[in-house]
PDB file of all heavy atoms in Angstrom:
ATOM      1  N   PHE A   1       2.226  13.204  18.401  1.00  0.00           N
ATOM      2  CA  PHE A   1       2.971  12.104  19.014  1.00  0.00           C
ATOM      3  C   PHE A   1       2.732  10.789  18.261  1.00  0.00           C
ATOM      4  O   PHE A   1       3.675  10.067  17.947  1.00  0.00           O
ATOM      5  CB  PHE A   1       2.563  11.964  20.486  1.00  0.00           C
ATOM      6  CG  PHE A   1       3.264  10.847  21.188  1.00  0.00           C
ATOM      7  CD1 PHE A   1       4.597  10.949  21.523  1.00  0.00           C
ATOM      8  CD2 PHE A   1       2.580   9.692  21.515  1.00  0.00           C
ATOM      9  CE1 PHE A   1       5.245   9.918  22.165  1.00  0.00           C
ATOM     10  CE2 PHE A   1       3.214   8.647  22.160  1.00  0.00           C
ATOM     11  CZ  PHE A   1       4.560   8.762  22.484  1.00  0.00           C
ATOM     12  N   VAL A   2       1.480  10.482  17.945  1.00  0.00           N
ATOM     13  CA  VAL A   2       1.159   9.245  17.220  1.00  0.00           C
ATOM     14  C   VAL A   2       1.772   9.269  15.820  1.00  0.00           C
ATOM     15  O   VAL A   2       2.297   8.261  15.345  1.00  0.00           O
ATOM     16  CB  VAL A   2      -0.363   9.019  17.158  1.00  0.00           C
ATOM     17  CG1 VAL A   2      -0.740   7.915  16.192  1.00  0.00           C
ATOM     18  CG2 VAL A   2      -0.910   8.715  18.543  1.00  0.00           C
ATOM     19  N   ARG A   3       1.744  10.415  15.185  1.00  0.00           N
ATOM     20  CA  ARG A   3       2.329  10.542  13.844  1.00  0.00           C
ATOM     21  C   ARG A   3       3.834  10.272  13.875  1.00  0.00           C
ATOM     22  O   ARG A   3       4.374   9.564  13.022  1.00  0.00           O
ATOM     23  CB  ARG A   3       2.044  11.936  13.311  1.00  0.00           C
ATOM     24  CG  ARG A   3       2.394  12.128  11.891  1.00  0.00           C
ATOM     25  CD  ARG A   3       1.899  13.464  11.412  1.00  0.00           C
ATOM     26  NE  ARG A   3       2.265  13.627  10.015  1.00  0.00           N
ATOM     27  CZ  ARG A   3       2.454  14.776   9.433  1.00  0.00           C
ATOM     28  NH1 ARG A   3       2.273  15.889  10.101  1.00  0.00           N
ATOM     29  NH2 ARG A   3       2.795  14.849   8.177  1.00  0.00           N
ATOM     30  N   ILE A   4       4.511  10.817  14.868  1.00  0.00           N
ATOM     31  CA  ILE A   4       5.955  10.580  15.014  1.00  0.00           C
ATOM     32  C   ILE A   4       6.220   9.102  15.283  1.00  0.00           C
ATOM     33  O   ILE A   4       7.127   8.506  14.696  1.00  0.00           O
ATOM     34  CB  ILE A   4       6.541  11.469  16.135  1.00  0.00           C
ATOM     35  CG1 ILE A   4       6.558  12.934  15.695  1.00  0.00           C
ATOM     36  CG2 ILE A   4       7.945  11.010  16.525  1.00  0.00           C
ATOM     37  CD1 ILE A   4       6.893  13.904  16.799  1.00  0.00           C
ATOM     38  N   MET A   5       5.415   8.489  16.164  1.00  0.00           N
ATOM     39  CA  MET A   5       5.608   7.069  16.480  1.00  0.00           C
ATOM     40  C   MET A   5       5.373   6.197  15.246  1.00  0.00           C
ATOM     41  O   MET A   5       6.092   5.228  15.028  1.00  0.00           O
ATOM     42  CB  MET A   5       4.689   6.639  17.624  1.00  0.00           C
ATOM     43  CG  MET A   5       5.036   7.263  18.959  1.00  0.00           C
ATOM     44  SD  MET A   5       6.751   7.009  19.450  1.00  0.00           S
ATOM     45  CE  MET A   5       6.775   5.259  19.687  1.00  0.00           C
ATOM     46  N   ASN A   6       4.363   6.527  14.434  1.00  0.00           N
ATOM     47  CA  ASN A   6       4.105   5.758  13.218  1.00  0.00           C
ATOM     48  C   ASN A   6       5.267   5.863  12.239  1.00  0.00           C
ATOM     49  O   ASN A   6       5.645   4.880  11.602  1.00  0.00           O
ATOM     50  CB  ASN A   6       2.812   6.214  12.541  1.00  0.00           C
ATOM     51  CG  ASN A   6       1.589   5.742  13.277  1.00  0.00           C
ATOM     52  OD1 ASN A   6       1.640   4.799  14.061  1.00  0.00           O
ATOM     53  ND2 ASN A   6       0.476   6.400  13.032  1.00  0.00           N
ATOM     54  N   ARG A   7       5.834   7.040  12.113  1.00  0.00           N
ATOM     55  CA  ARG A   7       6.981   7.211  11.218  1.00  0.00           C
ATOM     56  C   ARG A   7       8.194   6.439  11.726  1.00  0.00           C
ATOM     57  O   ARG A   7       8.924   5.834  10.945  1.00  0.00           O
ATOM     58  CB  ARG A   7       7.326   8.685  11.061  1.00  0.00           C
ATOM     59  CG  ARG A   7       6.341   9.402  10.183  1.00  0.00           C
ATOM     60  CD  ARG A   7       6.780  10.796   9.885  1.00  0.00           C
ATOM     61  NE  ARG A   7       5.795  11.440   9.024  1.00  0.00           N
ATOM     62  CZ  ARG A   7       5.914  12.665   8.582  1.00  0.00           C
ATOM     63  NH1 ARG A   7       6.944  13.397   8.927  1.00  0.00           N
ATOM     64  NH2 ARG A   7       4.982  13.174   7.813  1.00  0.00           N
ATOM     65  N   LEU A   8       8.416   6.463  13.044  1.00  0.00           N
ATOM     66  CA  LEU A   8       9.536   5.711  13.604  1.00  0.00           C
ATOM     67  C   LEU A   8       9.333   4.211  13.412  1.00  0.00           C
ATOM     68  O   LEU A   8      10.274   3.478  13.125  1.00  0.00           O
ATOM     69  CB  LEU A   8       9.714   6.032  15.088  1.00  0.00           C
ATOM     70  CG  LEU A   8      10.285   7.399  15.410  1.00  0.00           C
ATOM     71  CD1 LEU A   8      10.294   7.632  16.911  1.00  0.00           C
ATOM     72  CD2 LEU A   8      11.685   7.547  14.848  1.00  0.00           C
ATOM     73  N   THR A   9       8.102   3.752  13.566  1.00  0.00           N
ATOM     74  CA  THR A   9       7.804   2.334  13.381  1.00  0.00           C
ATOM     75  C   THR A   9       8.066   1.910  11.945  1.00  0.00           C
ATOM     76  O   THR A   9       8.649   0.849  11.705  1.00  0.00           O
ATOM     77  CB  THR A   9       6.343   2.041  13.762  1.00  0.00           C
ATOM     78  OG1 THR A   9       6.126   2.469  15.105  1.00  0.00           O
ATOM     79  CG2 THR A   9       6.030   0.566  13.655  1.00  0.00           C
ATOM     80  N   LYS A  10       7.654   2.727  10.978  1.00  0.00           N
ATOM     81  CA  LYS A  10       7.921   2.415   9.574  1.00  0.00           C
ATOM     82  C   LYS A  10       9.423   2.354   9.326  1.00  0.00           C
ATOM     83  O   LYS A  10       9.914   1.481   8.622  1.00  0.00           O
ATOM     84  CB  LYS A  10       7.305   3.459   8.654  1.00  0.00           C
ATOM     85  CG  LYS A  10       5.832   3.330   8.462  1.00  0.00           C
ATOM     86  CD  LYS A  10       5.344   4.393   7.491  1.00  0.00           C
ATOM     87  CE  LYS A  10       3.846   4.395   7.360  1.00  0.00           C
ATOM     88  NZ  LYS A  10       3.387   5.474   6.475  1.00  0.00           N
ATOM     89  N   TYR A  11      10.162   3.295   9.917  1.00  0.00           N
ATOM     90  CA  TYR A  11      11.609   3.344   9.731  1.00  0.00           C
ATOM     91  C   TYR A  11      12.263   2.107  10.326  1.00  0.00           C
ATOM     92  O   TYR A  11      13.128   1.508   9.709  1.00  0.00           O
ATOM     93  CB  TYR A  11      12.172   4.615  10.386  1.00  0.00           C
ATOM     94  CG  TYR A  11      13.664   4.732  10.279  1.00  0.00           C
ATOM     95  CD1 TYR A  11      14.262   5.058   9.073  1.00  0.00           C
ATOM     96  CD2 TYR A  11      14.482   4.511  11.378  1.00  0.00           C
ATOM     97  CE1 TYR A  11      15.635   5.168   8.960  1.00  0.00           C
ATOM     98  CE2 TYR A  11      15.857   4.616  11.284  1.00  0.00           C
ATOM     99  CZ  TYR A  11      16.416   4.945  10.075  1.00  0.00           C
ATOM    100  OH  TYR A  11      17.780   5.046   9.966  1.00  0.00           O
ATOM    101  N   VAL A  12      11.834   1.698  11.500  1.00  0.00           N
ATOM    102  CA  VAL A  12      12.417   0.529  12.151  1.00  0.00           C
ATOM    103  C   VAL A  12      12.084  -0.726  11.370  1.00  0.00           C
ATOM    104  O   VAL A  12      12.936  -1.594  11.172  1.00  0.00           O
ATOM    105  CB  VAL A  12      11.917   0.418  13.613  1.00  0.00           C
ATOM    106  CG1 VAL A  12      12.289  -0.916  14.215  1.00  0.00           C
ATOM    107  CG2 VAL A  12      12.491   1.551  14.434  1.00  0.00           C
ATOM    108  N   LYS A  13      10.833  -0.860  10.894  1.00  0.00           N
ATOM    109  CA  LYS A  13      10.453  -2.046  10.128  1.00  0.00           C
ATOM    110  C   LYS A  13      11.219  -2.131   8.814  1.00  0.00           C
ATOM    111  O   LYS A  13      11.584  -3.205   8.375  1.00  0.00           O
ATOM    112  CB  LYS A  13       8.948  -2.037   9.845  1.00  0.00           C
ATOM    113  CG  LYS A  13       8.115  -2.405  11.032  1.00  0.00           C
ATOM    114  CD  LYS A  13       6.657  -2.432  10.657  1.00  0.00           C
ATOM    115  CE  LYS A  13       5.797  -2.763  11.853  1.00  0.00           C
ATOM    116  NZ  LYS A  13       4.372  -2.730  11.500  1.00  0.00           N
ATOM    117  N   LYS A  14      11.440  -0.983   8.188  1.00  0.00           N
ATOM    118  CA  LYS A  14      12.123  -0.977   6.895  1.00  0.00           C
ATOM    119  C   LYS A  14      13.579  -1.423   7.051  1.00  0.00           C
ATOM    120  O   LYS A  14      14.120  -2.106   6.198  1.00  0.00           O
ATOM    121  CB  LYS A  14      12.055   0.421   6.285  1.00  0.00           C
ATOM    122  CG  LYS A  14      12.587   0.485   4.870  1.00  0.00           C
ATOM    123  CD  LYS A  14      12.227   1.766   4.163  1.00  0.00           C
ATOM    124  CE  LYS A  14      12.910   2.962   4.733  1.00  0.00           C
ATOM    125  NZ  LYS A  14      12.719   4.171   3.941  1.00  0.00           N
ATOM    126  N   ASP A  15      14.199  -1.037   8.154  1.00  0.00           N
ATOM    127  CA  ASP A  15      15.603  -1.364   8.368  1.00  0.00           C
ATOM    128  C   ASP A  15      15.809  -2.632   9.188  1.00  0.00           C
ATOM    129  O   ASP A  15      16.931  -2.933   9.566  1.00  0.00           O
ATOM    130  CB  ASP A  15      16.315  -0.195   9.067  1.00  0.00           C
ATOM    131  CG  ASP A  15      16.433   1.014   8.164  1.00  0.00           C
ATOM    132  OD1 ASP A  15      16.278   0.846   6.937  1.00  0.00           O
ATOM    133  OD2 ASP A  15      16.688   2.118   8.676  1.00  0.00           O
ATOM    134  N   ALA A  16      14.739  -3.354   9.478  1.00  0.00           N
ATOM    135  CA  ALA A  16      14.861  -4.571  10.280  1.00  0.00           C
ATOM    136  C   ALA A  16      15.691  -5.610   9.525  1.00  0.00           C
ATOM    137  O   ALA A  16      15.638  -5.713   8.305  1.00  0.00           O
ATOM    138  CB  ALA A  16      13.484  -5.135  10.602  1.00  0.00           C
ATOM    139  N   VAL A  17      16.446  -6.351  10.278  1.00  0.00           N
ATOM    140  CA  VAL A  17      17.276  -7.382   9.674  1.00  0.00           C
ATOM    141  C   VAL A  17      16.397  -8.568   9.323  1.00  0.00           C
ATOM    142  O   VAL A  17      15.668  -9.087  10.158  1.00  0.00           O
ATOM    143  CB  VAL A  17      18.386  -7.816  10.662  1.00  0.00           C
ATOM    144  CG1 VAL A  17      19.227  -8.929  10.067  1.00  0.00           C
ATOM    145  CG2 VAL A  17      19.236  -6.626  11.046  1.00  0.00           C
ATOM    146  N   LYS A  18      16.461  -8.980   8.083  1.00  0.00           N
ATOM    147  CA  LYS A  18      15.686 -10.136   7.643  1.00  0.00           C
ATOM    148  C   LYS A  18      16.447 -11.403   7.993  1.00  0.00           C
ATOM    149  O   LYS A  18      17.673 -11.433   7.994  1.00  0.00           O
ATOM    150  CB  LYS A  18      15.436 -10.076   6.137  1.00  0.00           C
ATOM    151  CG  LYS A  18      14.544  -8.945   5.713  1.00  0.00           C
ATOM    152  CD  LYS A  18      14.303  -8.984   4.223  1.00  0.00           C
ATOM    153  CE  LYS A  18      13.396  -7.840   3.807  1.00  0.00           C
ATOM    154  NZ  LYS A  18      13.171  -7.834   2.375  1.00  0.00           N
ATOM    155  N   ALA A  19      15.688 -12.455   8.264  1.00  0.00           N
ATOM    156  CA  ALA A  19      16.310 -13.742   8.551  1.00  0.00           C
ATOM    157  C   ALA A  19      16.987 -14.248   7.283  1.00  0.00           C
ATOM    158  O   ALA A  19      16.423 -14.146   6.195  1.00  0.00           O
ATOM    159  CB  ALA A  19      15.257 -14.729   9.027  1.00  0.00           C
ATOM    160  N   PRO A  20      18.173 -14.773   7.439  1.00  0.00           N
ATOM    161  CA  PRO A  20      18.851 -15.262   6.231  1.00  0.00           C
ATOM    162  C   PRO A  20      18.082 -16.444   5.649  1.00  0.00           C
ATOM    163  O   PRO A  20      17.590 -17.303   6.375  1.00  0.00           O
ATOM    164  CB  PRO A  20      20.223 -15.689   6.742  1.00  0.00           C
ATOM    165  CG  PRO A  20      20.069 -15.875   8.207  1.00  0.00           C
ATOM    166  CD  PRO A  20      18.963 -14.962   8.635  1.00  0.00           C
ATOM    167  N   GLU A  21      17.979 -16.457   4.352  1.00  0.00           N
ATOM    168  CA  GLU A  21      17.281 -17.545   3.682  1.00  0.00           C
ATOM    169  C   GLU A  21      18.178 -18.769   3.642  1.00  0.00           C
ATOM    170  O   GLU A  21      19.404 -18.666   3.614  1.00  0.00           O
ATOM    171  CB  GLU A  21      16.898 -17.124   2.266  1.00  0.00           C
ATOM    172  CG  GLU A  21      15.869 -16.017   2.231  1.00  0.00           C
ATOM    173  CD  GLU A  21      15.473 -15.673   0.803  1.00  0.00           C
ATOM    174  OE1 GLU A  21      15.693 -16.499  -0.096  1.00  0.00           O
ATOM    175  OE2 GLU A  21      14.950 -14.578   0.625  1.00  0.00           O
ATOM    176  N   ALA A  22      17.547 -19.923   3.641  1.00  0.00           N
ATOM    177  CA  ALA A  22      18.310 -21.160   3.581  1.00  0.00           C
ATOM    178  C   ALA A  22      19.018 -21.248   2.229  1.00  0.00           C
ATOM    179  O   ALA A  22      18.432 -20.934   1.202  1.00  0.00           O
ATOM    180  CB  ALA A  22      17.381 -22.351   3.761  1.00  0.00           C
ATOM    181  N   PRO A  23      20.274 -21.656   2.242  1.00  0.00           N
ATOM    182  CA  PRO A  23      20.994 -21.772   0.965  1.00  0.00           C
ATOM    183  C   PRO A  23      20.335 -22.838   0.084  1.00  0.00           C
ATOM    184  O   PRO A  23      19.887 -23.868   0.560  1.00  0.00           O
ATOM    185  CB  PRO A  23      22.399 -22.182   1.372  1.00  0.00           C
ATOM    186  CG  PRO A  23      22.345 -22.559   2.801  1.00  0.00           C
ATOM    187  CD  PRO A  23      21.088 -22.001   3.374  1.00  0.00           C
ATOM    188  N   GLU A  24      20.270 -22.550  -1.196  1.00  0.00           N
ATOM    189  CA  GLU A  24      19.594 -23.456  -2.123  1.00  0.00           C
ATOM    190  C   GLU A  24      20.531 -23.897  -3.229  1.00  0.00           C
ATOM    191  O   GLU A  24      21.547 -23.267  -3.503  1.00  0.00           O
ATOM    192  CB  GLU A  24      18.366 -22.762  -2.737  1.00  0.00           C
ATOM    193  CG  GLU A  24      17.290 -22.427  -1.730  1.00  0.00           C
ATOM    194  CD  GLU A  24      16.086 -21.757  -2.371  1.00  0.00           C
ATOM    195  OE1 GLU A  24      16.207 -21.235  -3.492  1.00  0.00           O
ATOM    196  OE2 GLU A  24      15.029 -21.764  -1.746  1.00  0.00           O
ATOM    197  N   ARG A  25      20.155 -24.994  -3.851  1.00  0.00           N
ATOM    198  CA  ARG A  25      20.848 -25.490  -5.034  1.00  0.00           C
ATOM    199  C   ARG A  25      19.795 -25.905  -6.047  1.00  0.00           C
ATOM    200  O   ARG A  25      18.622 -26.043  -5.708  1.00  0.00           O
ATOM    201  CB  ARG A  25      21.758 -26.656  -4.685  1.00  0.00           C
ATOM    202  CG  ARG A  25      20.991 -27.812  -4.109  1.00  0.00           C
ATOM    203  CD  ARG A  25      21.888 -28.930  -3.715  1.00  0.00           C
ATOM    204  NE  ARG A  25      21.090 -29.928  -2.990  1.00  0.00           N
ATOM    205  CZ  ARG A  25      21.554 -31.035  -2.551  1.00  0.00           C
ATOM    206  NH1 ARG A  25      22.818 -31.312  -2.724  1.00  0.00           N
ATOM    207  NH2 ARG A  25      20.792 -31.880  -1.918  1.00  0.00           N
ATOM    208  N   LEU A  26      20.171 -26.081  -7.258  1.00  0.00           N
ATOM    209  CA  LEU A  26      19.227 -26.480  -8.298  1.00  0.00           C
ATOM    210  C   LEU A  26      19.219 -27.993  -8.459  1.00  0.00           C
ATOM    211  O   LEU A  26      20.263 -28.651  -8.418  1.00  0.00           O
ATOM    212  CB  LEU A  26      19.587 -25.830  -9.631  1.00  0.00           C
ATOM    213  CG  LEU A  26      19.436 -24.307  -9.691  1.00  0.00           C
ATOM    214  CD1 LEU A  26      19.863 -23.803 -11.062  1.00  0.00           C
ATOM    215  CD2 LEU A  26      18.026 -23.893  -9.385  1.00  0.00           C
ATOM    216  N   CYS A  27      18.017 -28.516  -8.636  1.00  0.00           N
ATOM    217  CA  CYS A  27      17.865 -29.944  -8.922  1.00  0.00           C
ATOM    218  C   CYS A  27      18.432 -30.186 -10.325  1.00  0.00           C
ATOM    219  O   CYS A  27      18.074 -29.479 -11.271  1.00  0.00           O
ATOM    220  CB  CYS A  27      16.389 -30.340  -8.857  1.00  0.00           C
ATOM    221  SG  CYS A  27      16.072 -32.045  -9.409  1.00  0.00           S
ATOM    222  N   PRO A  28      19.318 -31.188 -10.500  1.00  0.00           N
ATOM    223  CA  PRO A  28      19.914 -31.423 -11.820  1.00  0.00           C
ATOM    224  C   PRO A  28      18.906 -31.923 -12.850  1.00  0.00           C
ATOM    225  O   PRO A  28      19.120 -31.768 -14.050  1.00  0.00           O
ATOM    226  CB  PRO A  28      20.995 -32.463 -11.547  1.00  0.00           C
ATOM    227  CG  PRO A  28      20.652 -33.071 -10.238  1.00  0.00           C
ATOM    228  CD  PRO A  28      19.852 -32.069  -9.483  1.00  0.00           C
ATOM    229  N   ARG A  29      17.803 -32.481 -12.408  1.00  0.00           N
ATOM    230  CA  ARG A  29      16.829 -33.030 -13.362  1.00  0.00           C
ATOM    231  C   ARG A  29      15.800 -31.997 -13.795  1.00  0.00           C
ATOM    232  O   ARG A  29      15.528 -31.854 -14.982  1.00  0.00           O
ATOM    233  CB  ARG A  29      16.121 -34.230 -12.748  1.00  0.00           C
ATOM    234  CG  ARG A  29      17.064 -35.380 -12.506  1.00  0.00           C
ATOM    235  CD  ARG A  29      16.389 -36.706 -12.781  1.00  0.00           C
ATOM    236  NE  ARG A  29      17.388 -37.746 -12.829  1.00  0.00           N
ATOM    237  CZ  ARG A  29      17.595 -38.615 -11.867  1.00  0.00           C
ATOM    238  NH1 ARG A  29      16.836 -38.578 -10.793  1.00  0.00           N
ATOM    239  NH2 ARG A  29      18.528 -39.519 -11.990  1.00  0.00           N
ATOM    240  N   CYS A  30      15.171 -31.281 -12.814  1.00  0.00           N
ATOM    241  CA  CYS A  30      14.076 -30.357 -13.180  1.00  0.00           C
ATOM    242  C   CYS A  30      14.442 -28.887 -12.977  1.00  0.00           C
ATOM    243  O   CYS A  30      13.634 -28.011 -13.246  1.00  0.00           O
ATOM    244  CB  CYS A  30      12.806 -30.696 -12.409  1.00  0.00           C
ATOM    245  SG  CYS A  30      12.926 -30.380 -10.641  1.00  0.00           S
ATOM    246  N   LEU A  31      15.629 -28.620 -12.449  1.00  0.00           N
ATOM    247  CA  LEU A  31      16.140 -27.259 -12.216  1.00  0.00           C
ATOM    248  C   LEU A  31      15.294 -26.450 -11.240  1.00  0.00           C
ATOM    249  O   LEU A  31      15.241 -25.224 -11.304  1.00  0.00           O
ATOM    250  CB  LEU A  31      16.303 -26.512 -13.543  1.00  0.00           C
ATOM    251  CG  LEU A  31      17.251 -27.161 -14.555  1.00  0.00           C
ATOM    252  CD1 LEU A  31      17.259 -26.356 -15.836  1.00  0.00           C
ATOM    253  CD2 LEU A  31      18.652 -27.284 -13.971  1.00  0.00           C
ATOM    254  N   THR A  32      14.633 -27.115 -10.288  1.00  0.00           N
ATOM    255  CA  THR A  32      13.884 -26.440  -9.231  1.00  0.00           C
ATOM    256  C   THR A  32      14.842 -26.114  -8.092  1.00  0.00           C
ATOM    257  O   THR A  32      15.741 -26.907  -7.777  1.00  0.00           O
ATOM    258  CB  THR A  32      12.749 -27.361  -8.705  1.00  0.00           C
ATOM    259  OG1 THR A  32      11.905 -27.690  -9.794  1.00  0.00           O
ATOM    260  CG2 THR A  32      11.948 -26.700  -7.614  1.00  0.00           C
ATOM    261  N   ALA A  33      14.662 -24.971  -7.458  1.00  0.00           N
ATOM    262  CA  ALA A  33      15.504 -24.607  -6.319  1.00  0.00           C
ATOM    263  C   ALA A  33      15.145 -25.499  -5.135  1.00  0.00           C
ATOM    264  O   ALA A  33      13.982 -25.645  -4.780  1.00  0.00           O
ATOM    265  CB  ALA A  33      15.296 -23.147  -5.960  1.00  0.00           C
ATOM    266  N   VAL A  34      16.173 -26.094  -4.529  1.00  0.00           N
ATOM    267  CA  VAL A  34      15.991 -27.037  -3.430  1.00  0.00           C
ATOM    268  C   VAL A  34      16.946 -26.646  -2.316  1.00  0.00           C
ATOM    269  O   VAL A  34      18.095 -26.252  -2.579  1.00  0.00           O
ATOM    270  CB  VAL A  34      16.298 -28.482  -3.901  1.00  0.00           C
ATOM    271  CG1 VAL A  34      16.112 -29.471  -2.768  1.00  0.00           C
ATOM    272  CG2 VAL A  34      15.439 -28.855  -5.086  1.00  0.00           C
ATOM    273  N   ASN A  35      16.497 -26.743  -1.065  1.00  0.00           N
ATOM    274  CA  ASN A  35      17.361 -26.488   0.078  1.00  0.00           C
ATOM    275  C   ASN A  35      18.550 -27.423  -0.002  1.00  0.00           C
ATOM    276  O   ASN A  35      18.407 -28.600  -0.321  1.00  0.00           O
ATOM    277  CB  ASN A  35      16.566 -26.717   1.377  1.00  0.00           C
ATOM    278  CG  ASN A  35      17.352 -26.315   2.607  1.00  0.00           C
ATOM    279  OD1 ASN A  35      18.525 -26.640   2.750  1.00  0.00           O
ATOM    280  ND2 ASN A  35      16.683 -25.607   3.486  1.00  0.00           N
ATOM    281  N   GLU A  36      19.729 -26.899   0.327  1.00  0.00           N
ATOM    282  CA  GLU A  36      20.937 -27.713   0.160  1.00  0.00           C
ATOM    283  C   GLU A  36      20.999 -28.888   1.123  1.00  0.00           C
ATOM    284  O   GLU A  36      21.733 -29.845   0.897  1.00  0.00           O
ATOM    285  CB  GLU A  36      22.192 -26.855   0.271  1.00  0.00           C
ATOM    286  CG  GLU A  36      22.589 -26.473   1.658  1.00  0.00           C
ATOM    287  CD  GLU A  36      23.923 -25.746   1.686  1.00  0.00           C
ATOM    288  OE1 GLU A  36      24.353 -25.202   0.658  1.00  0.00           O
ATOM    289  OE2 GLU A  36      24.530 -25.721   2.754  1.00  0.00           O
ATOM    290  N   LYS A  37      20.210 -28.881   2.196  1.00  0.00           N
ATOM    291  CA  LYS A  37      20.191 -30.006   3.126  1.00  0.00           C
ATOM    292  C   LYS A  37      19.190 -31.089   2.703  1.00  0.00           C
ATOM    293  O   LYS A  37      19.171 -32.164   3.288  1.00  0.00           O
ATOM    294  CB  LYS A  37      19.850 -29.521   4.531  1.00  0.00           C
ATOM    295  CG  LYS A  37      20.926 -28.637   5.137  1.00  0.00           C
ATOM    296  CD  LYS A  37      20.562 -28.222   6.532  1.00  0.00           C
ATOM    297  CE  LYS A  37      21.644 -27.332   7.125  1.00  0.00           C
ATOM    298  NZ  LYS A  37      21.300 -26.887   8.481  1.00  0.00           N
ATOM    299  N   ALA A  38      18.372 -30.797   1.708  1.00  0.00           N
ATOM    300  CA  ALA A  38      17.365 -31.764   1.275  1.00  0.00           C
ATOM    301  C   ALA A  38      18.018 -32.936   0.561  1.00  0.00           C
ATOM    302  O   ALA A  38      19.054 -32.797  -0.093  1.00  0.00           O
ATOM    303  CB  ALA A  38      16.355 -31.091   0.352  1.00  0.00           C
ATOM    304  N   THR A  39      17.390 -34.123   0.702  1.00  0.00           N
ATOM    305  CA  THR A  39      17.901 -35.312   0.019  1.00  0.00           C
ATOM    306  C   THR A  39      17.049 -35.690  -1.184  1.00  0.00           C
ATOM    307  O   THR A  39      17.436 -36.526  -1.980  1.00  0.00           O
ATOM    308  CB  THR A  39      17.959 -36.502   0.989  1.00  0.00           C
ATOM    309  OG1 THR A  39      16.664 -36.717   1.531  1.00  0.00           O
ATOM    310  CG2 THR A  39      18.954 -36.238   2.100  1.00  0.00           C
ATOM    311  N   ARG A  40      15.857 -35.065  -1.316  1.00  0.00           N
ATOM    312  CA  ARG A  40      14.975 -35.294  -2.477  1.00  0.00           C
ATOM    313  C   ARG A  40      14.464 -33.947  -2.969  1.00  0.00           C
ATOM    314  O   ARG A  40      14.259 -33.026  -2.210  1.00  0.00           O
ATOM    315  CB  ARG A  40      13.762 -36.142  -2.099  1.00  0.00           C
ATOM    316  CG  ARG A  40      14.056 -37.590  -1.939  1.00  0.00           C
ATOM    317  CD  ARG A  40      12.727 -38.342  -1.784  1.00  0.00           C
ATOM    318  NE  ARG A  40      12.979 -39.743  -1.663  1.00  0.00           N
ATOM    319  CZ  ARG A  40      12.922 -40.604  -2.668  1.00  0.00           C
ATOM    320  NH1 ARG A  40      12.585 -40.195  -3.862  1.00  0.00           N
ATOM    321  NH2 ARG A  40      13.168 -41.871  -2.485  1.00  0.00           N
ATOM    322  N   CYS A  41      14.192 -33.886  -4.245  1.00  0.00           N
ATOM    323  CA  CYS A  41      13.618 -32.689  -4.858  1.00  0.00           C
ATOM    324  C   CYS A  41      12.115 -32.706  -4.576  1.00  0.00           C
ATOM    325  O   CYS A  41      11.454 -33.712  -4.835  1.00  0.00           O
ATOM    326  CB  CYS A  41      13.870 -32.696  -6.359  1.00  0.00           C
ATOM    327  SG  CYS A  41      13.048 -31.335  -7.209  1.00  0.00           S
ATOM    328  N   PRO A  42      11.540 -31.610  -4.079  1.00  0.00           N
ATOM    329  CA  PRO A  42      10.112 -31.597  -3.804  1.00  0.00           C
ATOM    330  C   PRO A  42       9.262 -31.588  -5.088  1.00  0.00           C
ATOM    331  O   PRO A  42       8.093 -31.956  -5.067  1.00  0.00           O
ATOM    332  CB  PRO A  42       9.892 -30.314  -3.005  1.00  0.00           C
ATOM    333  CG  PRO A  42      11.049 -29.453  -3.332  1.00  0.00           C
ATOM    334  CD  PRO A  42      12.183 -30.367  -3.669  1.00  0.00           C
ATOM    335  N   ALA A  43       9.843 -31.202  -6.198  1.00  0.00           N
ATOM    336  CA  ALA A  43       9.069 -31.127  -7.455  1.00  0.00           C
ATOM    337  C   ALA A  43       9.050 -32.461  -8.193  1.00  0.00           C
ATOM    338  O   ALA A  43       8.006 -32.970  -8.550  1.00  0.00           O
ATOM    339  CB  ALA A  43       9.632 -30.027  -8.341  1.00  0.00           C
ATOM    340  N   CYS A  44      10.241 -33.062  -8.400  1.00  0.00           N
ATOM    341  CA  CYS A  44      10.297 -34.290  -9.210  1.00  0.00           C
ATOM    342  C   CYS A  44      10.646 -35.525  -8.385  1.00  0.00           C
ATOM    343  O   CYS A  44      10.726 -36.617  -8.922  1.00  0.00           O
ATOM    344  CB  CYS A  44      11.272 -34.119 -10.359  1.00  0.00           C
ATOM    345  SG  CYS A  44      13.002 -34.026  -9.827  1.00  0.00           S
TER     346      CYS A  44
END
């Protein structure tokens, strides 16, 4: 029973829907990926 439950848990975790990542854009000066809602580049 535990073996079956562990396999089902692995299957469910593998197919879990991931949270969508925030859309990003590149900083024109340093080319670092920046969230599109940001007003400043965190790198430069």
